[in-house]
PDB file of N, CA and C in Angstrom:
ATOM      1  N   MET A   1     -47.261  37.928 -23.458  1.00  0.00           N
ATOM      2  CA  MET A   1     -46.145  37.167 -22.975  1.00  0.00           C
ATOM      3  C   MET A   1     -46.622  36.215 -21.886  1.00  0.00           C
ATOM      4  N   ALA A   2     -46.482  34.967 -22.133  1.00  0.00           N
ATOM      5  CA  ALA A   2     -46.922  33.962 -21.165  1.00  0.00           C
ATOM      6  C   ALA A   2     -45.787  33.631 -20.211  1.00  0.00           C
ATOM      7  N   THR A   3     -46.124  33.465 -18.949  1.00  0.00           N
ATOM      8  CA  THR A   3     -45.106  33.067 -17.971  1.00  0.00           C
ATOM      9  C   THR A   3     -45.295  31.598 -17.655  1.00  0.00           C
ATOM     10  N   LYS A   4     -44.208  30.904 -17.623  1.00  0.00           N
ATOM     11  CA  LYS A   4     -44.250  29.480 -17.316  1.00  0.00           C
ATOM     12  C   LYS A   4     -43.917  29.288 -15.846  1.00  0.00           C
ATOM     13  N   LYS A   5     -44.700  28.464 -15.209  1.00  0.00           N
ATOM     14  CA  LYS A   5     -44.390  28.120 -13.825  1.00  0.00           C
ATOM     15  C   LYS A   5     -43.499  26.898 -13.828  1.00  0.00           C
ATOM     16  N   MET A   6     -42.401  27.018 -13.129  1.00  0.00           N
ATOM     17  CA  MET A   6     -41.486  25.890 -13.041  1.00  0.00           C
ATOM     18  C   MET A   6     -41.853  25.055 -11.823  1.00  0.00           C
ATOM     19  N   ALA A   7     -41.930  23.771 -12.041  1.00  0.00           N
ATOM     20  CA  ALA A   7     -42.245  22.867 -10.937  1.00  0.00           C
ATOM     21  C   ALA A   7     -41.050  22.818  -9.990  1.00  0.00           C
ATOM     22  N   LYS A   8     -41.342  22.942  -8.717  1.00  0.00           N
ATOM     23  CA  LYS A   8     -40.263  22.897  -7.737  1.00  0.00           C
ATOM     24  C   LYS A   8     -39.874  21.446  -7.510  1.00  0.00           C
ATOM     25  N   LYS A   9     -38.628  21.146  -7.795  1.00  0.00           N
ATOM     26  CA  LYS A   9     -38.147  19.780  -7.627  1.00  0.00           C
ATOM     27  C   LYS A   9     -37.466  19.652  -6.277  1.00  0.00           C
ATOM     28  N   THR A  10     -37.811  18.595  -5.580  1.00  0.00           N
ATOM     29  CA  THR A  10     -37.114  18.344  -4.327  1.00  0.00           C
ATOM     30  C   THR A  10     -35.873  17.534  -4.640  1.00  0.00           C
ATOM     31  N   ARG A  11     -34.819  17.863  -3.970  1.00  0.00           N
ATOM     32  CA  ARG A  11     -33.537  17.219  -4.226  1.00  0.00           C
ATOM     33  C   ARG A  11     -33.504  15.863  -3.534  1.00  0.00           C
ATOM     34  N   LYS A  12     -33.200  14.835  -4.301  1.00  0.00           N
ATOM     35  CA  LYS A  12     -33.106  13.489  -3.741  1.00  0.00           C
ATOM     36  C   LYS A  12     -31.664  13.207  -3.346  1.00  0.00           C
ATOM     37  N   PRO A  13     -31.450  12.626  -2.165  1.00  0.00           N
ATOM     38  CA  PRO A  13     -30.072  12.301  -1.774  1.00  0.00           C
ATOM     39  C   PRO A  13     -29.484  11.223  -2.679  1.00  0.00           C
ATOM     40  N   ASN A  14     -28.209  11.369  -2.963  1.00  0.00           N
ATOM     41  CA  ASN A  14     -27.509  10.401  -3.788  1.00  0.00           C
ATOM     42  C   ASN A  14     -27.363   9.093  -3.006  1.00  0.00           C
ATOM     43  N   ALA A  15     -27.792   7.999  -3.590  1.00  0.00           N
ATOM     44  CA  ALA A  15     -27.764   6.704  -2.905  1.00  0.00           C
ATOM     45  C   ALA A  15     -26.339   6.290  -2.506  1.00  0.00           C
ATOM     46  N   ALA A  16     -25.350   6.690  -3.287  1.00  0.00           N
ATOM     47  CA  ALA A  16     -23.965   6.332  -2.972  1.00  0.00           C
ATOM     48  C   ALA A  16     -23.502   6.994  -1.676  1.00  0.00           C
ATOM     49  N   PHE A  17     -23.984   8.202  -1.410  1.00  0.00           N
ATOM     50  CA  PHE A  17     -23.600   8.897  -0.182  1.00  0.00           C
ATOM     51  C   PHE A  17     -24.358   8.361   1.030  1.00  0.00           C
ATOM     52  N   MET A  18     -25.509   7.773   0.811  1.00  0.00           N
ATOM     53  CA  MET A  18     -26.343   7.320   1.922  1.00  0.00           C
ATOM     54  C   MET A  18     -26.079   5.865   2.308  1.00  0.00           C
ATOM     55  N   LYS A  19     -25.293   5.159   1.504  1.00  0.00           N
ATOM     56  CA  LYS A  19     -24.988   3.758   1.796  1.00  0.00           C
ATOM     57  C   LYS A  19     -24.083   3.680   3.030  1.00  0.00           C
ATOM     58  N   PRO A  20     -24.478   2.901   4.059  1.00  0.00           N
ATOM     59  CA  PRO A  20     -23.624   2.792   5.248  1.00  0.00           C
ATOM     60  C   PRO A  20     -22.289   2.114   4.917  1.00  0.00           C
ATOM     61  N   LEU A  21     -21.211   2.719   5.404  1.00  0.00           N
ATOM     62  CA  LEU A  21     -19.866   2.193   5.201  1.00  0.00           C
ATOM     63  C   LEU A  21     -19.257   1.848   6.551  1.00  0.00           C
ATOM     64  N   GLN A  22     -18.479   0.781   6.588  1.00  0.00           N
ATOM     65  CA  GLN A  22     -17.852   0.326   7.828  1.00  0.00           C
ATOM     66  C   GLN A  22     -16.494   1.001   7.991  1.00  0.00           C
ATOM     67  N   PRO A  23     -16.328   1.837   9.047  1.00  0.00           N
ATOM     68  CA  PRO A  23     -15.011   2.431   9.277  1.00  0.00           C
ATOM     69  C   PRO A  23     -14.021   1.388   9.790  1.00  0.00           C
ATOM     70  N   ASP A  24     -12.747   1.511   9.387  1.00  0.00           N
ATOM     71  CA  ASP A  24     -11.726   0.605   9.917  1.00  0.00           C
ATOM     72  C   ASP A  24     -11.383   1.020  11.348  1.00  0.00           C
ATOM     73  N   ASP A  25     -10.465   0.311  11.985  1.00  0.00           N
ATOM     74  CA  ASP A  25     -10.156   0.555  13.397  1.00  0.00           C
ATOM     75  C   ASP A  25      -9.656   1.981  13.656  1.00  0.00           C
ATOM     76  N   ALA A  26      -8.814   2.504  12.772  1.00  0.00           N
ATOM     77  CA  ALA A  26      -8.258   3.844  12.966  1.00  0.00           C
ATOM     78  C   ALA A  26      -9.364   4.901  12.921  1.00  0.00           C
ATOM     79  N   LEU A  27     -10.233   4.809  11.936  1.00  0.00           N
ATOM     80  CA  LEU A  27     -11.318   5.781  11.787  1.00  0.00           C
ATOM     81  C   LEU A  27     -12.381   5.596  12.869  1.00  0.00           C
ATOM     82  N   ALA A  28     -12.586   4.358  13.303  1.00  0.00           N
ATOM     83  CA  ALA A  28     -13.576   4.068  14.341  1.00  0.00           C
ATOM     84  C   ALA A  28     -13.224   4.745  15.663  1.00  0.00           C
ATOM     85  N   GLN A  29     -11.941   5.026  15.899  1.00  0.00           N
ATOM     86  CA  GLN A  29     -11.524   5.731  17.112  1.00  0.00           C
ATOM     87  C   GLN A  29     -12.124   7.137  17.179  1.00  0.00           C
ATOM     88  N   VAL A  30     -12.426   7.697  16.016  1.00  0.00           N
ATOM     89  CA  VAL A  30     -12.929   9.070  15.950  1.00  0.00           C
ATOM     90  C   VAL A  30     -14.447   9.106  15.722  1.00  0.00           C
ATOM     91  N   VAL A  31     -14.965   8.277  14.798  1.00  0.00           N
ATOM     92  CA  VAL A  31     -16.380   8.384  14.419  1.00  0.00           C
ATOM     93  C   VAL A  31     -17.267   7.289  14.997  1.00  0.00           C
ATOM     94  N   GLY A  32     -16.696   6.282  15.608  1.00  0.00           N
ATOM     95  CA  GLY A  32     -17.498   5.186  16.146  1.00  0.00           C
ATOM     96  C   GLY A  32     -17.383   3.953  15.267  1.00  0.00           C
ATOM     97  N   GLU A  33     -17.800   2.811  15.817  1.00  0.00           N
ATOM     98  CA  GLU A  33     -17.599   1.534  15.129  1.00  0.00           C
ATOM     99  C   GLU A  33     -18.735   1.117  14.210  1.00  0.00           C
ATOM    100  N   ARG A  34     -19.918   1.696  14.382  1.00  0.00           N
ATOM    101  CA  ARG A  34     -21.072   1.303  13.561  1.00  0.00           C
ATOM    102  C   ARG A  34     -20.916   1.761  12.114  1.00  0.00           C
ATOM    103  N   PRO A  35     -21.482   1.019  11.163  1.00  0.00           N
ATOM    104  CA  PRO A  35     -21.498   1.493   9.774  1.00  0.00           C
ATOM    105  C   PRO A  35     -22.301   2.791   9.667  1.00  0.00           C
ATOM    106  N   LEU A  36     -21.768   3.765   8.953  1.00  0.00           N
ATOM    107  CA  LEU A  36     -22.396   5.074   8.806  1.00  0.00           C
ATOM    108  C   LEU A  36     -22.354   5.513   7.350  1.00  0.00           C
ATOM    109  N   PRO A  37     -23.327   6.336   6.922  1.00  0.00           N
ATOM    110  CA  PRO A  37     -23.230   6.927   5.581  1.00  0.00           C
ATOM    111  C   PRO A  37     -22.027   7.864   5.507  1.00  0.00           C
ATOM    112  N   ARG A  38     -21.505   8.039   4.322  1.00  0.00           N
ATOM    113  CA  ARG A  38     -20.330   8.887   4.102  1.00  0.00           C
ATOM    114  C   ARG A  38     -20.560  10.300   4.656  1.00  0.00           C
ATOM    115  N   THR A  39     -21.777  10.810   4.496  1.00  0.00           N
ATOM    116  CA  THR A  39     -22.084  12.154   4.977  1.00  0.00           C
ATOM    117  C   THR A  39     -21.971  12.235   6.498  1.00  0.00           C
ATOM    118  N   GLU A  40     -22.426  11.213   7.197  1.00  0.00           N
ATOM    119  CA  GLU A  40     -22.371  11.197   8.660  1.00  0.00           C
ATOM    120  C   GLU A  40     -20.931  11.040   9.151  1.00  0.00           C
ATOM    121  N   ILE A  41     -20.128  10.260   8.431  1.00  0.00           N
ATOM    122  CA  ILE A  41     -18.709  10.115   8.795  1.00  0.00           C
ATOM    123  C   ILE A  41     -18.025  11.478   8.721  1.00  0.00           C
ATOM    124  N   THR A  42     -18.270  12.215   7.653  1.00  0.00           N
ATOM    125  CA  THR A  42     -17.685  13.544   7.490  1.00  0.00           C
ATOM    126  C   THR A  42     -18.172  14.486   8.590  1.00  0.00           C
ATOM    127  N   LYS A  43     -19.451  14.425   8.905  1.00  0.00           N
ATOM    128  CA  LYS A  43     -20.019  15.288   9.940  1.00  0.00           C
ATOM    129  C   LYS A  43     -19.378  15.009  11.303  1.00  0.00           C
ATOM    130  N   ARG A  44     -19.215  13.745  11.646  1.00  0.00           N
ATOM    131  CA  ARG A  44     -18.610  13.385  12.931  1.00  0.00           C
ATOM    132  C   ARG A  44     -17.129  13.735  12.981  1.00  0.00           C
ATOM    133  N   LEU A  45     -16.455  13.581  11.850  1.00  0.00           N
ATOM    134  CA  LEU A  45     -15.042  13.937  11.776  1.00  0.00           C
ATOM    135  C   LEU A  45     -14.857  15.435  12.018  1.00  0.00           C
ATOM    136  N   TRP A  46     -15.697  16.251  11.395  1.00  0.00           N
ATOM    137  CA  TRP A  46     -15.617  17.696  11.592  1.00  0.00           C
ATOM    138  C   TRP A  46     -15.981  18.085  13.019  1.00  0.00           C
ATOM    139  N   ALA A  47     -16.941  17.402  13.610  1.00  0.00           N
ATOM    140  CA  ALA A  47     -17.298  17.683  15.005  1.00  0.00           C
ATOM    141  C   ALA A  47     -16.095  17.421  15.912  1.00  0.00           C
ATOM    142  N   TYR A  48     -15.379  16.331  15.652  1.00  0.00           N
ATOM    143  CA  TYR A  48     -14.174  15.991  16.429  1.00  0.00           C
ATOM    144  C   TYR A  48     -13.096  17.053  16.233  1.00  0.00           C
ATOM    145  N   ILE A  49     -12.881  17.464  14.989  1.00  0.00           N
ATOM    146  CA  ILE A  49     -11.852  18.462  14.676  1.00  0.00           C
ATOM    147  C   ILE A  49     -12.159  19.774  15.388  1.00  0.00           C
ATOM    148  N   LYS A  50     -13.405  20.202  15.358  1.00  0.00           N
ATOM    149  CA  LYS A  50     -13.780  21.460  16.015  1.00  0.00           C
ATOM    150  C   LYS A  50     -13.697  21.348  17.526  1.00  0.00           C
ATOM    151  N   LYS A  51     -14.140  20.203  18.076  1.00  0.00           N
ATOM    152  CA  LYS A  51     -14.105  20.009  19.529  1.00  0.00           C
ATOM    153  C   LYS A  51     -12.675  20.045  20.061  1.00  0.00           C
ATOM    154  N   GLU A  52     -11.757  19.438  19.314  1.00  0.00           N
ATOM    155  CA  GLU A  52     -10.357  19.362  19.734  1.00  0.00           C
ATOM    156  C   GLU A  52      -9.536  20.581  19.300  1.00  0.00           C
ATOM    157  N   GLY A  53     -10.133  21.491  18.523  1.00  0.00           N
ATOM    158  CA  GLY A  53      -9.425  22.683  18.068  1.00  0.00           C
ATOM    159  C   GLY A  53      -8.295  22.371  17.112  1.00  0.00           C
ATOM    160  N   LEU A  54      -8.514  21.454  16.174  1.00  0.00           N
ATOM    161  CA  LEU A  54      -7.449  20.989  15.280  1.00  0.00           C
ATOM    162  C   LEU A  54      -7.380  21.740  13.956  1.00  0.00           C
ATOM    163  N   GLN A  55      -8.313  22.652  13.713  1.00  0.00           N
ATOM    164  CA  GLN A  55      -8.260  23.435  12.485  1.00  0.00           C
ATOM    165  C   GLN A  55      -7.148  24.469  12.643  1.00  0.00           C
ATOM    166  N   ASP A  56      -6.277  24.588  11.646  1.00  0.00           N
ATOM    167  CA  ASP A  56      -5.142  25.501  11.722  1.00  0.00           C
ATOM    168  C   ASP A  56      -5.637  26.939  11.915  1.00  0.00           C
ATOM    169  N   LYS A  57      -4.988  27.674  12.806  1.00  0.00           N
ATOM    170  CA  LYS A  57      -5.428  29.041  13.133  1.00  0.00           C
ATOM    171  C   LYS A  57      -5.177  30.026  11.991  1.00  0.00           C
ATOM    172  N   LYS A  58      -4.041  29.876  11.292  1.00  0.00           N
ATOM    173  CA  LYS A  58      -3.707  30.809  10.215  1.00  0.00           C
ATOM    174  C   LYS A  58      -4.393  30.444   8.910  1.00  0.00           C
ATOM    175  N   ASN A  59      -4.318  29.174   8.528  1.00  0.00           N
ATOM    176  CA  ASN A  59      -4.948  28.709   7.290  1.00  0.00           C
ATOM    177  C   ASN A  59      -6.045  27.722   7.663  1.00  0.00           C
ATOM    178  N   ARG A  60      -7.278  28.188   7.713  1.00  0.00           N
ATOM    179  CA  ARG A  60      -8.400  27.398   8.208  1.00  0.00           C
ATOM    180  C   ARG A  60      -8.719  26.187   7.326  1.00  0.00           C
ATOM    181  N   ARG A  61      -8.140  26.126   6.133  1.00  0.00           N
ATOM    182  CA  ARG A  61      -8.362  24.970   5.256  1.00  0.00           C
ATOM    183  C   ARG A  61      -7.521  23.772   5.648  1.00  0.00           C
ATOM    184  N   ASN A  62      -6.575  23.961   6.554  1.00  0.00           N
ATOM    185  CA  ASN A  62      -5.698  22.870   6.976  1.00  0.00           C
ATOM    186  C   ASN A  62      -6.140  22.299   8.319  1.00  0.00           C
ATOM    187  N   ILE A  63      -5.965  20.998   8.462  1.00  0.00           N
ATOM    188  CA  ILE A  63      -6.307  20.285   9.683  1.00  0.00           C
ATOM    189  C   ILE A  63      -5.013  19.751  10.289  1.00  0.00           C
ATOM    190  N   ASN A  64      -4.774  20.059  11.564  1.00  0.00           N
ATOM    191  CA  ASN A  64      -3.613  19.546  12.281  1.00  0.00           C
ATOM    192  C   ASN A  64      -3.985  18.211  12.903  1.00  0.00           C
ATOM    193  N   ALA A  65      -3.162  17.208  12.690  1.00  0.00           N
ATOM    194  CA  ALA A  65      -3.466  15.865  13.183  1.00  0.00           C
ATOM    195  C   ALA A  65      -3.041  15.714  14.642  1.00  0.00           C
ATOM    196  N   ASP A  66      -3.904  15.076  15.430  1.00  0.00           N
ATOM    197  CA  ASP A  66      -3.510  14.665  16.778  1.00  0.00           C
ATOM    198  C   ASP A  66      -3.224  13.165  16.717  1.00  0.00           C
ATOM    199  N   ASP A  67      -3.033  12.531  17.865  1.00  0.00           N
ATOM    200  CA  ASP A  67      -2.685  11.102  17.876  1.00  0.00           C
ATOM    201  C   ASP A  67      -3.776  10.232  17.251  1.00  0.00           C
ATOM    202  N   ALA A  68      -5.050  10.624  17.382  1.00  0.00           N
ATOM    203  CA  ALA A  68      -6.141   9.829  16.816  1.00  0.00           C
ATOM    204  C   ALA A  68      -6.246  10.000  15.301  1.00  0.00           C
ATOM    205  N   LEU A  69      -5.932  11.189  14.792  1.00  0.00           N
ATOM    206  CA  LEU A  69      -6.073  11.452  13.353  1.00  0.00           C
ATOM    207  C   LEU A  69      -4.838  11.071  12.539  1.00  0.00           C
ATOM    208  N   ARG A  70      -3.678  11.022  13.157  1.00  0.00           N
ATOM    209  CA  ARG A  70      -2.445  10.742  12.414  1.00  0.00           C
ATOM    210  C   ARG A  70      -2.510   9.438  11.615  1.00  0.00           C
ATOM    211  N   PRO A  71      -3.037   8.309  12.183  1.00  0.00           N
ATOM    212  CA  PRO A  71      -3.134   7.089  11.367  1.00  0.00           C
ATOM    213  C   PRO A  71      -4.083   7.246  10.169  1.00  0.00           C
ATOM    214  N   ILE A  72      -5.115   8.041  10.320  1.00  0.00           N
ATOM    215  CA  ILE A  72      -6.063   8.277   9.222  1.00  0.00           C
ATOM    216  C   ILE A  72      -5.397   9.118   8.136  1.00  0.00           C
ATOM    217  N   PHE A  73      -4.540  10.047   8.545  1.00  0.00           N
ATOM    218  CA  PHE A  73      -3.863  10.950   7.611  1.00  0.00           C
ATOM    219  C   PHE A  73      -2.539  10.381   7.104  1.00  0.00           C
ATOM    220  N   ASN A  74      -2.354   9.072   7.202  1.00  0.00           N
ATOM    221  CA  ASN A  74      -1.133   8.387   6.749  1.00  0.00           C
ATOM    222  C   ASN A  74       0.125   8.959   7.396  1.00  0.00           C
ATOM    223  N   GLY A  75       0.042   9.313   8.676  1.00  0.00           N
ATOM    224  CA  GLY A  75       1.199   9.785   9.414  1.00  0.00           C
ATOM    225  C   GLY A  75       1.531  11.253   9.227  1.00  0.00           C
ATOM    226  N   LYS A  76       0.778  11.965   8.390  1.00  0.00           N
ATOM    227  CA  LYS A  76       1.055  13.386   8.157  1.00  0.00           C
ATOM    228  C   LYS A  76       0.626  14.212   9.368  1.00  0.00           C
ATOM    229  N   LYS A  77       1.368  15.275   9.632  1.00  0.00           N
ATOM    230  CA  LYS A  77       1.035  16.159  10.755  1.00  0.00           C
ATOM    231  C   LYS A  77      -0.070  17.137  10.399  1.00  0.00           C
ATOM    232  N   GLN A  78      -0.215  17.443   9.091  1.00  0.00           N
ATOM    233  CA  GLN A  78      -1.221  18.394   8.649  1.00  0.00           C
ATOM    234  C   GLN A  78      -1.674  18.047   7.238  1.00  0.00           C
ATOM    235  N   VAL A  79      -2.982  18.156   6.994  1.00  0.00           N
ATOM    236  CA  VAL A  79      -3.535  17.933   5.654  1.00  0.00           C
ATOM    237  C   VAL A  79      -4.561  19.027   5.368  1.00  0.00           C
ATOM    238  N   SER A  80      -4.839  19.249   4.086  1.00  0.00           N
ATOM    239  CA  SER A  80      -5.895  20.189   3.724  1.00  0.00           C
ATOM    240  C   SER A  80      -7.234  19.465   3.865  1.00  0.00           C
ATOM    241  N   MET A  81      -8.304  20.237   3.981  1.00  0.00           N
ATOM    242  CA  MET A  81      -9.618  19.611   4.147  1.00  0.00           C
ATOM    243  C   MET A  81     -10.001  18.791   2.910  1.00  0.00           C
ATOM    244  N   PHE A  82      -9.487  19.153   1.744  1.00  0.00           N
ATOM    245  CA  PHE A  82      -9.780  18.406   0.526  1.00  0.00           C
ATOM    246  C   PHE A  82      -9.009  17.089   0.507  1.00  0.00           C
ATOM    247  N   GLU A  83      -7.765  17.136   0.949  1.00  0.00           N
ATOM    248  CA  GLU A  83      -6.954  15.926   1.035  1.00  0.00           C
ATOM    249  C   GLU A  83      -7.525  14.983   2.100  1.00  0.00           C
ATOM    250  N   MET A  84      -8.071  15.550   3.167  1.00  0.00           N
ATOM    251  CA  MET A  84      -8.646  14.760   4.248  1.00  0.00           C
ATOM    252  C   MET A  84      -9.762  13.845   3.723  1.00  0.00           C
ATOM    253  N   THR A  85     -10.614  14.365   2.875  1.00  0.00           N
ATOM    254  CA  THR A  85     -11.708  13.580   2.325  1.00  0.00           C
ATOM    255  C   THR A  85     -11.189  12.379   1.553  1.00  0.00           C
ATOM    256  N   LYS A  86     -10.136  12.583   0.777  1.00  0.00           N
ATOM    257  CA  LYS A  86      -9.526  11.507  -0.001  1.00  0.00           C
ATOM    258  C   LYS A  86      -8.906  10.460   0.918  1.00  0.00           C
ATOM    259  N   LEU A  87      -8.234  10.900   1.975  1.00  0.00           N
ATOM    260  CA  LEU A  87      -7.599   9.977   2.901  1.00  0.00           C
ATOM    261  C   LEU A  87      -8.620   9.179   3.709  1.00  0.00           C
ATOM    262  N   VAL A  88      -9.722   9.805   4.096  1.00  0.00           N
ATOM    263  CA  VAL A  88     -10.756   9.119   4.857  1.00  0.00           C
ATOM    264  C   VAL A  88     -11.387   8.016   4.009  1.00  0.00           C
ATOM    265  N   ALA A  89     -11.506   8.226   2.719  1.00  0.00           N
ATOM    266  CA  ALA A  89     -12.107   7.225   1.829  1.00  0.00           C
ATOM    267  C   ALA A  89     -11.326   5.911   1.850  1.00  0.00           C
ATOM    268  N   GLN A  90     -10.048   5.971   2.180  1.00  0.00           N
ATOM    269  CA  GLN A  90      -9.219   4.747   2.240  1.00  0.00           C
ATOM    270  C   GLN A  90      -9.493   3.943   3.513  1.00  0.00           C
ATOM    271  N   HIS A  91     -10.223   4.523   4.467  1.00  0.00           N
ATOM    272  CA  HIS A  91     -10.456   3.875   5.750  1.00  0.00           C
ATOM    273  C   HIS A  91     -11.879   3.375   5.934  1.00  0.00           C
ATOM    274  N   VAL A  92     -12.633   3.301   4.843  1.00  0.00           N
ATOM    275  CA  VAL A  92     -14.007   2.767   4.905  1.00  0.00           C
ATOM    276  C   VAL A  92     -14.167   1.643   3.891  1.00  0.00           C
ATOM    277  N   SER A  93     -15.050   0.724   4.206  1.00  0.00           N
ATOM    278  CA  SER A  93     -15.322  -0.352   3.239  1.00  0.00           C
ATOM    279  C   SER A  93     -16.803  -0.609   3.144  1.00  0.00           C
TER     280      SER A  93
END
C-alpha cells in the first residue's frame, strides 16, 4: 500500500477582499476615512463594538446601535451580525 504525500497549499487571500474600499461619511466616523480592505473594515467595526460594549448581553449575535452606528444600520436600534455585514456593504465604494 503506497501512501501519497499531499502538497501543503498555502491559502491565498481573495483579491476582492483585499481591494481597498472608501468608507462613506457615516462609516468613516467609526473606521476612519482612509480606504481600507473589507477585512480591515470589519475588524475595526468589531473593535469599536467591543470597546463600546454594544454586543447584546442576552443574544450575542445581535449588535445594539449607538449614535455612530445608527446611520450605518439604516436607523435600526439593533441588527444581527449577519445583517450588519450586508448593511456595511452599502456604505463603501
